[in-house]
Amino acid sequence: MAQQATQADDRLITDKEVAHLLGASRSWPWKLARDGKFPKPIQLSARCTRWRLSDVKEWMADPQGWRDKH
């Protein structure tokens, strides 16, 4: 069961999904990532970028601690 949760956390999500999780606009995570205050997205192709759900959840659990670690 724990491995299933891990696999679900490793899925890639869109900026729209990130914004929904954070309760923010779609541009906000992009700005934070550019400033080094949020996980950087993964570029899959020229026009396809996604975030790893586990990275977003880690940031949500402790934004300040995440910044200090990264």
C-alpha atoms as a PDB file:
ATOM      1  CA  MET A   1       0.000   0.000   0.000  1.00  0.00           C
ATOM      2  CA  ALA A   2       2.811   2.435   0.821  1.00  0.00           C
ATOM      3  CA  GLN A   3       4.391   1.829  -2.576  1.00  0.00           C
ATOM      4  CA  GLN A   4       1.107   2.769  -4.283  1.00  0.00           C
ATOM      5  CA  ALA A   5       1.078   6.081  -2.421  1.00  0.00           C
ATOM      6  CA  THR A   6       4.673   6.698  -3.449  1.00  0.00           C
ATOM      7  CA  GLN A   7       3.891   6.003  -7.093  1.00  0.00           C
ATOM      8  CA  ALA A   8       0.942   8.398  -6.943  1.00  0.00           C
ATOM      9  CA  ASP A   9       3.180  11.093  -5.436  1.00  0.00           C
ATOM     10  CA  ASP A  10       5.696  10.627  -8.236  1.00  0.00           C
ATOM     11  CA  ARG A  11       3.215  11.461 -10.961  1.00  0.00           C
ATOM     12  CA  LEU A  12       3.733  14.633 -12.948  1.00  0.00           C
ATOM     13  CA  ILE A  13       1.168  17.417 -12.700  1.00  0.00           C
ATOM     14  CA  THR A  14       0.404  20.506 -14.764  1.00  0.00           C
ATOM     15  CA  ASP A  15       0.696  24.111 -13.660  1.00  0.00           C
ATOM     16  CA  LYS A  16      -3.101  24.172 -13.482  1.00  0.00           C
ATOM     17  CA  GLU A  17      -3.052  21.279 -10.984  1.00  0.00           C
ATOM     18  CA  VAL A  18      -0.270  22.958  -8.982  1.00  0.00           C
ATOM     19  CA  ALA A  19      -2.301  26.173  -8.832  1.00  0.00           C
ATOM     20  CA  HIS A  20      -5.359  24.239  -7.670  1.00  0.00           C
ATOM     21  CA  LEU A  21      -3.378  22.490  -4.900  1.00  0.00           C
ATOM     22  CA  LEU A  22      -1.934  25.807  -3.720  1.00  0.00           C
ATOM     23  CA  GLY A  23      -5.111  27.841  -4.143  1.00  0.00           C
ATOM     24  CA  ALA A  24      -3.183  30.290  -6.293  1.00  0.00           C
ATOM     25  CA  SER A  25      -2.994  31.553  -9.853  1.00  0.00           C
ATOM     26  CA  ARG A  26      -1.217  29.497 -12.523  1.00  0.00           C
ATOM     27  CA  SER A  27       1.538  32.116 -12.780  1.00  0.00           C
ATOM     28  CA  TRP A  28       2.422  32.110  -9.072  1.00  0.00           C
ATOM     29  CA  PRO A  29       4.354  28.782  -8.963  1.00  0.00           C
ATOM     30  CA  TRP A  30       6.263  29.825 -12.093  1.00  0.00           C
ATOM     31  CA  LYS A  31       7.355  33.064 -10.405  1.00  0.00           C
ATOM     32  CA  LEU A  32       8.380  31.273  -7.211  1.00  0.00           C
ATOM     33  CA  ALA A  33      10.302  28.607  -9.165  1.00  0.00           C
ATOM     34  CA  ARG A  34      12.099  31.302 -11.156  1.00  0.00           C
ATOM     35  CA  ASP A  35      13.128  32.961  -7.871  1.00  0.00           C
ATOM     36  CA  GLY A  36      14.315  29.639  -6.370  1.00  0.00           C
ATOM     37  CA  LYS A  37      11.521  29.552  -3.774  1.00  0.00           C
ATOM     38  CA  PHE A  38       9.578  26.620  -5.244  1.00  0.00           C
ATOM     39  CA  PRO A  39      10.561  23.354  -6.944  1.00  0.00           C
ATOM     40  CA  LYS A  40      11.584  23.784 -10.564  1.00  0.00           C
ATOM     41  CA  PRO A  41       9.345  22.107 -13.126  1.00  0.00           C
ATOM     42  CA  ILE A  42      10.537  19.311 -15.374  1.00  0.00           C
ATOM     43  CA  GLN A  43      10.758  20.238 -19.057  1.00  0.00           C
ATOM     44  CA  LEU A  44       9.466  17.275 -21.071  1.00  0.00           C
ATOM     45  CA  SER A  45       9.546  19.034 -24.431  1.00  0.00           C
ATOM     46  CA  ALA A  46       9.623  22.558 -25.839  1.00  0.00           C
ATOM     47  CA  ARG A  47       5.998  23.175 -24.884  1.00  0.00           C
ATOM     48  CA  CYS A  48       5.378  20.601 -22.142  1.00  0.00           C
ATOM     49  CA  THR A  49       6.463  21.245 -18.552  1.00  0.00           C
ATOM     50  CA  ARG A  50       5.283  19.437 -15.428  1.00  0.00           C
ATOM     51  CA  TRP A  51       5.943  19.378 -11.684  1.00  0.00           C
ATOM     52  CA  ARG A  52       6.520  16.229  -9.664  1.00  0.00           C
ATOM     53  CA  LEU A  53       3.653  15.952  -7.164  1.00  0.00           C
ATOM     54  CA  SER A  54       6.007  14.733  -4.418  1.00  0.00           C
ATOM     55  CA  ASP A  55       8.125  17.899  -4.802  1.00  0.00           C
ATOM     56  CA  VAL A  56       5.056  20.128  -4.523  1.00  0.00           C
ATOM     57  CA  LYS A  57       3.809  18.243  -1.447  1.00  0.00           C
ATOM     58  CA  GLU A  58       7.232  18.520   0.190  1.00  0.00           C
ATOM     59  CA  TRP A  59       7.199  22.284  -0.414  1.00  0.00           C
ATOM     60  CA  MET A  60       3.623  22.574   0.912  1.00  0.00           C
ATOM     61  CA  ALA A  61       4.562  20.771   4.137  1.00  0.00           C
ATOM     62  CA  ASP A  62       7.345  23.256   4.946  1.00  0.00           C
ATOM     63  CA  PRO A  63       7.980  26.084   2.444  1.00  0.00           C
ATOM     64  CA  GLN A  64      10.674  27.755   4.542  1.00  0.00           C
ATOM     65  CA  GLY A  65      12.444  24.506   5.290  1.00  0.00           C
ATOM     66  CA  TRP A  66      12.340  23.593   1.603  1.00  0.00           C
ATOM     67  CA  ARG A  67      13.975  26.906   0.689  1.00  0.00           C
ATOM     68  CA  ASP A  68      16.667  26.390   3.305  1.00  0.00           C
ATOM     69  CA  LYS A  69      17.429  22.880   1.973  1.00  0.00           C
ATOM     70  CA  HIS A  70      17.515  23.930  -1.651  1.00  0.00           C
END
